Amino acid sequence: MNVNPRRTLALLVGIMVLGTGAPASGAEPPPTAAPGDGWVEPMKKVHARFKGEAGTFAHFGDSITISMAFWASLQWDHKQMDPATQAAFDLVKQYMKEKCWRGWKGPQFGNQGSMTIRWAHKHIDTWLRDLKPECALIMFGTNDLHSLEVEEYEAKTREVVGRCLDAGTVVILSTIPPRHGRGEKGERFVEAVRRIARDRHVPLCDYYQAIVTRRPDDWDGAAEAFKSVPGGTYEVPTLLARDGVHPSNPKRWQGDYSAEGLRHNGFVLRNWVVLHAYARVVRQVFGGGDS
């Protein structure tokens, strides 16, 4: 069966904010922070200043981003996608540079374990100069919960976003996953990212909302309920790993983009959220895909 990306992407389920619409079969309603596609025209204006190579997609973040379970695994391991997700994948595969699947991993590419937004704030100009990304996904905050207050986190995130936009790089902001024992503070960090996305009119992957929508009561792999489940840190059958920090990655649901896979594998869910968000940017801002 041939899939028309333009037709099916119109049905994309809401995994990024600033967009609404009916969910695809088996999917939850979209987590949104504001109605409509108010980021599209502002991002087109940003993209008009872009001087680099089309199809470049940078990922700025910490260990949740440098992990090969995020994004790199999607290229080869993606089964049971619904038509909208398959269309998003086909569009991204066609448009994005091959090197951005696996090659853009490591501190020189803006992702490294244990880092906070302070690190990004210090190095963002270098990354933008060296990589010249057409689009950049930004997700810091998990490590920041230890050492930063929300005011500094928000201020530095705003500056990082602003420098990207000034350089002609379209930004996709991402909320962090919920964290064991850091519920209230984590929610303040999530709200800060949502505010920035609204204020700067940039698209947002609401990864936090995607998790709590699917597993509102049992997303935490560090919870007592999962103590007796056999397996290693990432094998717990919910969306956060046993360490209470990272997304889970149980083998049974690796590469499984069905509704069940999206409820049981935290890295699969993150890939899904980012895939749809980036596909919408490619289609609506960059003009990629079939006409």
C-alpha atoms as a PDB file:
ATOM      1  CA  MET A   1       0.000   0.000   0.000  1.00  0.00           C
ATOM      2  CA  ASN A   2       1.382   3.431  -0.980  1.00  0.00           C
ATOM      3  CA  VAL A   3       1.175   6.104   1.703  1.00  0.00           C
ATOM      4  CA  ASN A   4       0.810   9.746   0.730  1.00  0.00           C
ATOM      5  CA  PRO A   5       2.762  11.763   3.331  1.00  0.00           C
ATOM      6  CA  ARG A   6       0.841  14.981   2.658  1.00  0.00           C
ATOM      7  CA  ARG A   7      -2.537  13.338   3.265  1.00  0.00           C
ATOM      8  CA  THR A   8      -1.618  11.264   6.283  1.00  0.00           C
ATOM      9  CA  LEU A   9       0.426  13.949   8.009  1.00  0.00           C
ATOM     10  CA  ALA A  10      -2.735  16.021   8.131  1.00  0.00           C
ATOM     11  CA  LEU A  11      -4.000  13.376  10.569  1.00  0.00           C
ATOM     12  CA  LEU A  12      -0.964  13.482  12.826  1.00  0.00           C
ATOM     13  CA  VAL A  13      -1.783  12.934  16.439  1.00  0.00           C
ATOM     14  CA  GLY A  14      -0.803  15.589  18.935  1.00  0.00           C
ATOM     15  CA  ILE A  15       2.566  14.919  20.302  1.00  0.00           C
ATOM     16  CA  MET A  16       3.784  18.452  19.970  1.00  0.00           C
ATOM     17  CA  VAL A  17       2.094  21.522  21.331  1.00  0.00           C
ATOM     18  CA  LEU A  18       0.716  24.459  19.378  1.00  0.00           C
ATOM     19  CA  GLY A  19      -1.290  22.015  17.278  1.00  0.00           C
ATOM     20  CA  THR A  20      -4.595  20.285  17.791  1.00  0.00           C
ATOM     21  CA  GLY A  21      -6.528  17.578  16.022  1.00  0.00           C
ATOM     22  CA  ALA A  22      -8.233  14.246  16.449  1.00  0.00           C
ATOM     23  CA  PRO A  23      -6.013  11.403  17.629  1.00  0.00           C
ATOM     24  CA  ALA A  24      -5.211   8.521  15.331  1.00  0.00           C
ATOM     25  CA  SER A  25      -6.600   5.079  16.099  1.00  0.00           C
ATOM     26  CA  GLY A  26      -5.355   3.810  19.451  1.00  0.00           C
ATOM     27  CA  ALA A  27      -3.628   7.090  20.359  1.00  0.00           C
ATOM     28  CA  GLU A  28      -4.354   9.411  23.254  1.00  0.00           C
ATOM     29  CA  PRO A  29      -5.608  12.983  22.741  1.00  0.00           C
ATOM     30  CA  PRO A  30      -2.847  15.481  21.961  1.00  0.00           C
ATOM     31  CA  PRO A  31      -1.112  17.323  24.818  1.00  0.00           C
ATOM     32  CA  THR A  32      -1.305  20.981  23.833  1.00  0.00           C
ATOM     33  CA  ALA A  33      -0.262  24.251  25.411  1.00  0.00           C
ATOM     34  CA  ALA A  34      -1.982  26.515  22.907  1.00  0.00           C
ATOM     35  CA  PRO A  35      -4.368  25.987  20.002  1.00  0.00           C
ATOM     36  CA  GLY A  36      -3.529  26.206  16.331  1.00  0.00           C
ATOM     37  CA  ASP A  37      -0.235  26.274  14.481  1.00  0.00           C
ATOM     38  CA  GLY A  38       0.904  29.683  15.677  1.00  0.00           C
ATOM     39  CA  TRP A  39       4.549  28.700  15.419  1.00  0.00           C
ATOM     40  CA  VAL A  40       4.523  28.048  11.658  1.00  0.00           C
ATOM     41  CA  GLU A  41       4.785  31.586  10.294  1.00  0.00           C
ATOM     42  CA  PRO A  42       7.301  32.733  12.949  1.00  0.00           C
ATOM     43  CA  MET A  43       9.471  29.707  12.185  1.00  0.00           C
ATOM     44  CA  LYS A  44       9.266  30.385   8.454  1.00  0.00           C
ATOM     45  CA  LYS A  45      10.690  33.841   9.155  1.00  0.00           C
ATOM     46  CA  VAL A  46      13.495  32.265  11.209  1.00  0.00           C
ATOM     47  CA  HIS A  47      14.188  29.763   8.441  1.00  0.00           C
ATOM     48  CA  ALA A  48      14.456  32.561   5.874  1.00  0.00           C
ATOM     49  CA  ARG A  49      17.688  33.585   7.625  1.00  0.00           C
ATOM     50  CA  PHE A  50      19.151  30.067   7.512  1.00  0.00           C
ATOM     51  CA  LYS A  51      22.472  29.767   5.645  1.00  0.00           C
ATOM     52  CA  GLY A  52      23.416  26.135   6.295  1.00  0.00           C
ATOM     53  CA  GLU A  53      22.655  22.717   4.821  1.00  0.00           C
ATOM     54  CA  ALA A  54      19.012  21.694   4.522  1.00  0.00           C
ATOM     55  CA  GLY A  55      18.078  18.491   6.335  1.00  0.00           C
ATOM     56  CA  THR A  56      20.412  18.957   9.288  1.00  0.00           C
ATOM     57  CA  PHE A  57      18.792  18.169  12.636  1.00  0.00           C
ATOM     58  CA  ALA A  58      20.760  18.683  15.874  1.00  0.00           C
ATOM     59  CA  HIS A  59      19.812  17.300  19.279  1.00  0.00           C
ATOM     60  CA  PHE A  60      20.988  19.346  22.270  1.00  0.00           C
ATOM     61  CA  GLY A  61      20.615  17.532  25.579  1.00  0.00           C
ATOM     62  CA  ASP A  62      21.996  15.201  28.230  1.00  0.00           C
ATOM     63  CA  SER A  63      22.234  11.408  28.643  1.00  0.00           C
ATOM     64  CA  ILE A  64      18.621  10.959  27.520  1.00  0.00           C
ATOM     65  CA  THR A  65      19.684  12.500  24.205  1.00  0.00           C
ATOM     66  CA  ILE A  66      23.172  11.056  23.658  1.00  0.00           C
ATOM     67  CA  SER A  67      21.811   7.530  24.155  1.00  0.00           C
ATOM     68  CA  MET A  68      21.662   5.502  20.932  1.00  0.00           C
ATOM     69  CA  ALA A  69      18.212   4.372  22.082  1.00  0.00           C
ATOM     70  CA  PHE A  70      17.078   7.885  21.200  1.00  0.00           C
ATOM     71  CA  TRP A  71      16.614   8.642  17.499  1.00  0.00           C
ATOM     72  CA  ALA A  72      19.502   6.503  16.191  1.00  0.00           C
ATOM     73  CA  SER A  73      17.571   3.282  16.839  1.00  0.00           C
ATOM     74  CA  LEU A  74      14.529   4.568  14.964  1.00  0.00           C
ATOM     75  CA  GLN A  75      16.229   4.378  11.575  1.00  0.00           C
ATOM     76  CA  TRP A  76      16.442   0.580  11.617  1.00  0.00           C
ATOM     77  CA  ASP A  77      14.037  -0.595  14.303  1.00  0.00           C
ATOM     78  CA  HIS A  78      10.482   0.628  13.745  1.00  0.00           C
ATOM     79  CA  LYS A  79       7.624  -1.838  13.567  1.00  0.00           C
ATOM     80  CA  GLN A  80       3.843  -1.617  13.979  1.00  0.00           C
ATOM     81  CA  MET A  81       3.644   2.047  13.022  1.00  0.00           C
ATOM     82  CA  ASP A  82       0.181   3.371  12.272  1.00  0.00           C
ATOM     83  CA  PRO A  83      -0.261   5.138   8.897  1.00  0.00           C
ATOM     84  CA  ALA A  84       0.368   8.627  10.302  1.00  0.00           C
ATOM     85  CA  THR A  85       3.562   7.549  12.041  1.00  0.00           C
ATOM     86  CA  GLN A  86       4.769   5.656   8.970  1.00  0.00           C
ATOM     87  CA  ALA A  87       4.129   8.747   6.857  1.00  0.00           C
ATOM     88  CA  ALA A  88       6.072  10.900   9.321  1.00  0.00           C
ATOM     89  CA  PHE A  89       8.960   8.434   9.250  1.00  0.00           C
ATOM     90  CA  ASP A  90       8.978   8.267   5.440  1.00  0.00           C
ATOM     91  CA  LEU A  91       9.043  12.054   5.206  1.00  0.00           C
ATOM     92  CA  VAL A  92      11.887  12.393   7.723  1.00  0.00           C
ATOM     93  CA  LYS A  93      13.866   9.566   6.096  1.00  0.00           C
ATOM     94  CA  GLN A  94      13.540  11.323   2.756  1.00  0.00           C
ATOM     95  CA  TYR A  95      14.393  14.811   4.040  1.00  0.00           C
ATOM     96  CA  MET A  96      16.890  14.546   6.904  1.00  0.00           C
ATOM     97  CA  LYS A  97      20.602  14.093   6.246  1.00  0.00           C
ATOM     98  CA  GLU A  98      21.793  10.535   6.884  1.00  0.00           C
ATOM     99  CA  LYS A  99      24.501  11.729   9.277  1.00  0.00           C
ATOM    100  CA  CYS A 100      21.881  13.087  11.672  1.00  0.00           C
ATOM    101  CA  TRP A 101      20.525   9.626  12.564  1.00  0.00           C
ATOM    102  CA  ARG A 102      23.617   8.314  14.348  1.00  0.00           C
ATOM    103  CA  GLY A 103      26.531  10.570  13.536  1.00  0.00           C
ATOM    104  CA  TRP A 104      25.570  13.653  15.483  1.00  0.00           C
ATOM    105  CA  LYS A 105      26.145  12.118  18.919  1.00  0.00           C
ATOM    106  CA  GLY A 106      28.646  13.434  21.465  1.00  0.00           C
ATOM    107  CA  PRO A 107      29.602  16.685  23.195  1.00  0.00           C
ATOM    108  CA  GLN A 108      30.800  18.337  19.982  1.00  0.00           C
ATOM    109  CA  PHE A 109      27.263  17.875  18.700  1.00  0.00           C
ATOM    110  CA  GLY A 110      25.597  19.296  21.821  1.00  0.00           C
ATOM    111  CA  ASN A 111      24.658  16.139  23.726  1.00  0.00           C
ATOM    112  CA  GLN A 112      26.452  14.605  26.711  1.00  0.00           C
ATOM    113  CA  GLY A 113      25.524  12.819  29.933  1.00  0.00           C
ATOM    114  CA  SER A 114      25.197  14.709  33.224  1.00  0.00           C
ATOM    115  CA  MET A 115      24.915  18.118  31.557  1.00  0.00           C
ATOM    116  CA  THR A 116      22.567  20.982  32.388  1.00  0.00           C
ATOM    117  CA  ILE A 117      21.324  24.059  30.568  1.00  0.00           C
ATOM    118  CA  ARG A 118      24.406  25.872  31.916  1.00  0.00           C
ATOM    119  CA  TRP A 119      26.548  23.726  29.606  1.00  0.00           C
ATOM    120  CA  ALA A 120      24.330  24.515  26.645  1.00  0.00           C
ATOM    121  CA  HIS A 121      24.360  28.204  27.524  1.00  0.00           C
ATOM    122  CA  LYS A 122      28.176  28.163  27.494  1.00  0.00           C
ATOM    123  CA  HIS A 123      28.614  26.230  24.237  1.00  0.00           C
ATOM    124  CA  ILE A 124      25.574  26.991  22.084  1.00  0.00           C
ATOM    125  CA  ASP A 125      27.360  29.551  19.918  1.00  0.00           C
ATOM    126  CA  THR A 126      30.097  27.026  19.104  1.00  0.00           C
ATOM    127  CA  TRP A 127      27.565  24.337  18.178  1.00  0.00           C
ATOM    128  CA  LEU A 128      25.660  26.726  15.962  1.00  0.00           C
ATOM    129  CA  ARG A 129      28.844  27.888  14.257  1.00  0.00           C
ATOM    130  CA  ASP A 130      30.211  24.383  13.674  1.00  0.00           C
ATOM    131  CA  LEU A 131      27.018  22.464  12.895  1.00  0.00           C
ATOM    132  CA  LYS A 132      24.817  25.156  11.349  1.00  0.00           C
ATOM    133  CA  PRO A 133      21.709  23.031  11.987  1.00  0.00           C
ATOM    134  CA  GLU A 134      18.549  23.789  10.109  1.00  0.00           C
ATOM    135  CA  CYS A 135      16.587  22.540  13.123  1.00  0.00           C
ATOM    136  CA  ALA A 136      17.577  21.883  16.738  1.00  0.00           C
ATOM    137  CA  LEU A 137      15.744  19.851  19.358  1.00  0.00           C
ATOM    138  CA  ILE A 138      16.499  21.114  22.878  1.00  0.00           C
ATOM    139  CA  MET A 139      15.843  19.106  26.038  1.00  0.00           C
ATOM    140  CA  PHE A 140      17.709  19.888  29.233  1.00  0.00           C
ATOM    141  CA  GLY A 141      16.329  19.826  32.767  1.00  0.00           C
ATOM    142  CA  THR A 142      16.647  16.321  34.215  1.00  0.00           C
ATOM    143  CA  ASN A 143      20.079  17.024  35.725  1.00  0.00           C
ATOM    144  CA  ASP A 144      19.190  20.653  36.364  1.00  0.00           C
ATOM    145  CA  LEU A 145      16.677  19.558  38.996  1.00  0.00           C
ATOM    146  CA  HIS A 146      19.608  18.900  41.368  1.00  0.00           C
ATOM    147  CA  SER A 147      21.511  22.151  40.996  1.00  0.00           C
ATOM    148  CA  LEU A 148      19.350  24.888  39.458  1.00  0.00           C
ATOM    149  CA  GLU A 149      16.241  26.711  40.490  1.00  0.00           C
ATOM    150  CA  VAL A 150      13.533  27.216  37.923  1.00  0.00           C
ATOM    151  CA  GLU A 151      14.321  30.922  37.467  1.00  0.00           C
ATOM    152  CA  GLU A 152      17.866  30.266  36.254  1.00  0.00           C
ATOM    153  CA  TYR A 153      16.764  27.269  34.213  1.00  0.00           C
ATOM    154  CA  GLU A 154      14.108  29.296  32.423  1.00  0.00           C
ATOM    155  CA  ALA A 155      16.338  32.311  31.832  1.00  0.00           C
ATOM    156  CA  LYS A 156      19.192  30.287  30.357  1.00  0.00           C
ATOM    157  CA  THR A 157      16.846  28.162  28.256  1.00  0.00           C
ATOM    158  CA  ARG A 158      15.314  31.338  26.841  1.00  0.00           C
ATOM    159  CA  GLU A 159      18.770  32.623  25.926  1.00  0.00           C
ATOM    160  CA  VAL A 160      19.752  29.355  24.256  1.00  0.00           C
ATOM    161  CA  VAL A 161      16.528  29.354  22.241  1.00  0.00           C
ATOM    162  CA  GLY A 162      17.049  32.990  21.280  1.00  0.00           C
ATOM    163  CA  ARG A 163      20.570  32.399  20.006  1.00  0.00           C
ATOM    164  CA  CYS A 164      19.365  29.511  17.866  1.00  0.00           C
ATOM    165  CA  LEU A 165      16.578  31.586  16.361  1.00  0.00           C
ATOM    166  CA  ASP A 166      18.947  34.512  15.737  1.00  0.00           C
ATOM    167  CA  ALA A 167      21.210  32.111  13.816  1.00  0.00           C
ATOM    168  CA  GLY A 168      18.333  30.981  11.599  1.00  0.00           C
ATOM    169  CA  THR A 169      17.941  27.606  13.321  1.00  0.00           C
ATOM    170  CA  VAL A 170      14.370  26.483  13.932  1.00  0.00           C
ATOM    171  CA  VAL A 171      13.955  25.226  17.510  1.00  0.00           C
ATOM    172  CA  ILE A 172      11.813  22.362  18.755  1.00  0.00           C
ATOM    173  CA  LEU A 173      11.649  22.550  22.547  1.00  0.00           C
ATOM    174  CA  SER A 174      11.007  19.427  24.623  1.00  0.00           C
ATOM    175  CA  THR A 175       9.762  18.995  28.141  1.00  0.00           C
ATOM    176  CA  ILE A 176      11.646  16.537  30.319  1.00  0.00           C
ATOM    177  CA  PRO A 177      10.176  13.248  31.532  1.00  0.00           C
ATOM    178  CA  PRO A 178       8.804  13.156  35.083  1.00  0.00           C
ATOM    179  CA  ARG A 179      11.416  12.182  37.655  1.00  0.00           C
ATOM    180  CA  HIS A 180      11.173   9.980  40.738  1.00  0.00           C
ATOM    181  CA  GLY A 181      11.034  12.072  43.907  1.00  0.00           C
ATOM    182  CA  ARG A 182      11.095  15.393  42.075  1.00  0.00           C
ATOM    183  CA  GLY A 183       7.438  15.730  41.166  1.00  0.00           C
ATOM    184  CA  GLU A 184       6.627  19.294  42.168  1.00  0.00           C
ATOM    185  CA  LYS A 185       9.930  20.828  41.053  1.00  0.00           C
ATOM    186  CA  GLY A 186       9.859  18.825  37.846  1.00  0.00           C
ATOM    187  CA  GLU A 187       6.419  20.184  37.027  1.00  0.00           C
ATOM    188  CA  ARG A 188       7.704  23.752  37.480  1.00  0.00           C
ATOM    189  CA  PHE A 189      10.510  23.032  35.010  1.00  0.00           C
ATOM    190  CA  VAL A 190       8.006  21.591  32.553  1.00  0.00           C
ATOM    191  CA  GLU A 191       5.799  24.664  32.831  1.00  0.00           C
ATOM    192  CA  ALA A 192       8.833  26.883  32.235  1.00  0.00           C
ATOM    193  CA  VAL A 193       9.544  25.139  28.931  1.00  0.00           C
ATOM    194  CA  ARG A 194       5.910  25.418  27.898  1.00  0.00           C
ATOM    195  CA  ARG A 195       5.991  29.160  28.635  1.00  0.00           C
ATOM    196  CA  ILE A 196       9.092  29.639  26.520  1.00  0.00           C
ATOM    197  CA  ALA A 197       7.530  27.732  23.622  1.00  0.00           C
ATOM    198  CA  ARG A 198       4.433  29.933  23.781  1.00  0.00           C
ATOM    199  CA  ASP A 199       6.361  33.179  24.168  1.00  0.00           C
ATOM    200  CA  ARG A 200       8.858  32.474  21.392  1.00  0.00           C
ATOM    201  CA  HIS A 201       6.339  30.769  19.102  1.00  0.00           C
ATOM    202  CA  VAL A 202       8.392  27.611  18.694  1.00  0.00           C
ATOM    203  CA  PRO A 203       7.037  24.062  18.363  1.00  0.00           C
ATOM    204  CA  LEU A 204       7.162  21.931  21.484  1.00  0.00           C
ATOM    205  CA  CYS A 205       7.397  18.182  22.079  1.00  0.00           C
ATOM    206  CA  ASP A 206       5.520  17.702  25.332  1.00  0.00           C
ATOM    207  CA  TYR A 207       7.280  14.479  26.307  1.00  0.00           C
ATOM    208  CA  TYR A 208       6.231  14.899  29.932  1.00  0.00           C
ATOM    209  CA  GLN A 209       2.564  15.022  28.968  1.00  0.00           C
ATOM    210  CA  ALA A 210       2.943  12.076  26.592  1.00  0.00           C
ATOM    211  CA  ILE A 211       4.194   9.991  29.520  1.00  0.00           C
ATOM    212  CA  VAL A 212       1.633  10.990  32.126  1.00  0.00           C
ATOM    213  CA  THR A 213      -1.203  10.673  29.612  1.00  0.00           C
ATOM    214  CA  ARG A 214      -0.337   7.037  28.914  1.00  0.00           C
ATOM    215  CA  ARG A 215       0.682   6.040  32.450  1.00  0.00           C
ATOM    216  CA  PRO A 216      -0.879   8.592  34.819  1.00  0.00           C
ATOM    217  CA  ASP A 217      -0.455   6.413  37.913  1.00  0.00           C
ATOM    218  CA  ASP A 218       2.424   4.035  37.171  1.00  0.00           C
ATOM    219  CA  TRP A 219       4.997   5.748  34.941  1.00  0.00           C
ATOM    220  CA  ASP A 220       7.717   5.475  37.616  1.00  0.00           C
ATOM    221  CA  GLY A 221       9.910   2.392  37.252  1.00  0.00           C
ATOM    222  CA  ALA A 222      11.531   3.194  40.602  1.00  0.00           C
ATOM    223  CA  ALA A 223       8.221   2.729  42.402  1.00  0.00           C
ATOM    224  CA  GLU A 224       7.670  -0.101  44.847  1.00  0.00           C
ATOM    225  CA  ALA A 225       5.223  -1.773  42.469  1.00  0.00           C
ATOM    226  CA  PHE A 226       8.070  -2.662  40.090  1.00  0.00           C
ATOM    227  CA  LYS A 227      10.615  -3.894  42.658  1.00  0.00           C
ATOM    228  CA  SER A 228       9.790  -7.551  42.077  1.00  0.00           C
ATOM    229  CA  VAL A 229       9.829  -7.363  38.270  1.00  0.00           C
ATOM    230  CA  PRO A 230      12.963  -9.148  36.984  1.00  0.00           C
ATOM    231  CA  GLY A 231      15.478  -7.478  34.693  1.00  0.00           C
ATOM    232  CA  GLY A 232      17.983  -4.661  34.606  1.00  0.00           C
ATOM    233  CA  THR A 233      17.616  -0.904  34.949  1.00  0.00           C
ATOM    234  CA  TYR A 234      15.908  -0.348  31.618  1.00  0.00           C
ATOM    235  CA  GLU A 235      13.821  -3.550  31.535  1.00  0.00           C
ATOM    236  CA  VAL A 236      10.997  -2.316  33.731  1.00  0.00           C
ATOM    237  CA  PRO A 237       7.673  -2.467  31.788  1.00  0.00           C
ATOM    238  CA  THR A 238       6.678   1.174  32.207  1.00  0.00           C
ATOM    239  CA  LEU A 239       7.940   4.473  30.798  1.00  0.00           C
ATOM    240  CA  LEU A 240      10.597   5.479  33.341  1.00  0.00           C
ATOM    241  CA  ALA A 241      13.510   3.169  34.130  1.00  0.00           C
ATOM    242  CA  ARG A 242      14.288   1.696  37.549  1.00  0.00           C
ATOM    243  CA  ASP A 243      16.700   4.531  38.282  1.00  0.00           C
ATOM    244  CA  GLY A 244      13.762   6.944  38.290  1.00  0.00           C
ATOM    245  CA  VAL A 245      15.638   9.217  35.866  1.00  0.00           C
ATOM    246  CA  HIS A 246      15.934   7.841  32.345  1.00  0.00           C
ATOM    247  CA  PRO A 247      13.301   6.521  29.944  1.00  0.00           C
ATOM    248  CA  SER A 248      12.849   2.764  30.027  1.00  0.00           C
ATOM    249  CA  ASN A 249      13.910   0.517  27.144  1.00  0.00           C
ATOM    250  CA  PRO A 250      12.607  -3.026  27.749  1.00  0.00           C
ATOM    251  CA  LYS A 251      13.619  -5.431  24.985  1.00  0.00           C
ATOM    252  CA  ARG A 252      10.096  -6.756  24.504  1.00  0.00           C
ATOM    253  CA  TRP A 253       8.926  -3.347  23.200  1.00  0.00           C
ATOM    254  CA  GLN A 254      12.087  -2.058  21.523  1.00  0.00           C
ATOM    255  CA  GLY A 255      11.196  -0.627  18.134  1.00  0.00           C
ATOM    256  CA  ASP A 256       7.483  -1.266  18.773  1.00  0.00           C
ATOM    257  CA  TYR A 257       5.439   1.794  17.780  1.00  0.00           C
ATOM    258  CA  SER A 258       2.050   0.249  18.478  1.00  0.00           C
ATOM    259  CA  ALA A 259      -0.143   1.672  21.240  1.00  0.00           C
ATOM    260  CA  GLU A 260       1.247  -0.996  23.581  1.00  0.00           C
ATOM    261  CA  GLY A 261       4.839  -0.184  22.685  1.00  0.00           C
ATOM    262  CA  LEU A 262       4.215   3.494  23.341  1.00  0.00           C
ATOM    263  CA  ARG A 263       2.909   2.605  26.822  1.00  0.00           C
ATOM    264  CA  HIS A 264       5.798   0.340  27.779  1.00  0.00           C
ATOM    265  CA  ASN A 265       9.019   1.746  26.296  1.00  0.00           C
ATOM    266  CA  GLY A 266      10.051   5.261  27.268  1.00  0.00           C
ATOM    267  CA  PHE A 267      12.637   5.698  24.535  1.00  0.00           C
ATOM    268  CA  VAL A 268      10.218   4.477  21.870  1.00  0.00           C
ATOM    269  CA  LEU A 269       7.718   7.047  23.115  1.00  0.00           C
ATOM    270  CA  ARG A 270      10.316   9.814  22.954  1.00  0.00           C
ATOM    271  CA  ASN A 271      11.274   8.816  19.401  1.00  0.00           C
ATOM    272  CA  TRP A 272       7.592   8.890  18.440  1.00  0.00           C
ATOM    273  CA  VAL A 273       7.024  12.331  19.938  1.00  0.00           C
ATOM    274  CA  VAL A 274      10.097  13.806  18.250  1.00  0.00           C
ATOM    275  CA  LEU A 275       9.418  12.079  14.927  1.00  0.00           C
ATOM    276  CA  HIS A 276       5.978  13.628  14.597  1.00  0.00           C
ATOM    277  CA  ALA A 277       7.192  17.045  15.760  1.00  0.00           C
ATOM    278  CA  TYR A 278      10.102  17.148  13.317  1.00  0.00           C
ATOM    279  CA  ALA A 279       7.932  15.839  10.462  1.00  0.00           C
ATOM    280  CA  ARG A 280       5.509  18.702  10.986  1.00  0.00           C
ATOM    281  CA  VAL A 281       8.351  21.218  10.898  1.00  0.00           C
ATOM    282  CA  VAL A 282       9.729  19.638   7.729  1.00  0.00           C
ATOM    283  CA  ARG A 283       6.320  19.767   6.079  1.00  0.00           C
ATOM    284  CA  GLN A 284       4.995  23.101   7.307  1.00  0.00           C
ATOM    285  CA  VAL A 285       8.156  25.203   7.627  1.00  0.00           C
ATOM    286  CA  PHE A 286      10.767  23.672   5.312  1.00  0.00           C
ATOM    287  CA  GLY A 287       8.376  22.593   2.578  1.00  0.00           C
ATOM    288  CA  GLY A 288       9.800  19.084   2.464  1.00  0.00           C
ATOM    289  CA  GLY A 289       8.074  16.011   1.055  1.00  0.00           C
ATOM    290  CA  ASP A 290       5.988  15.359  -2.021  1.00  0.00           C
ATOM    291  CA  SER A 291       3.832  18.125  -3.332  1.00  0.00           C
END
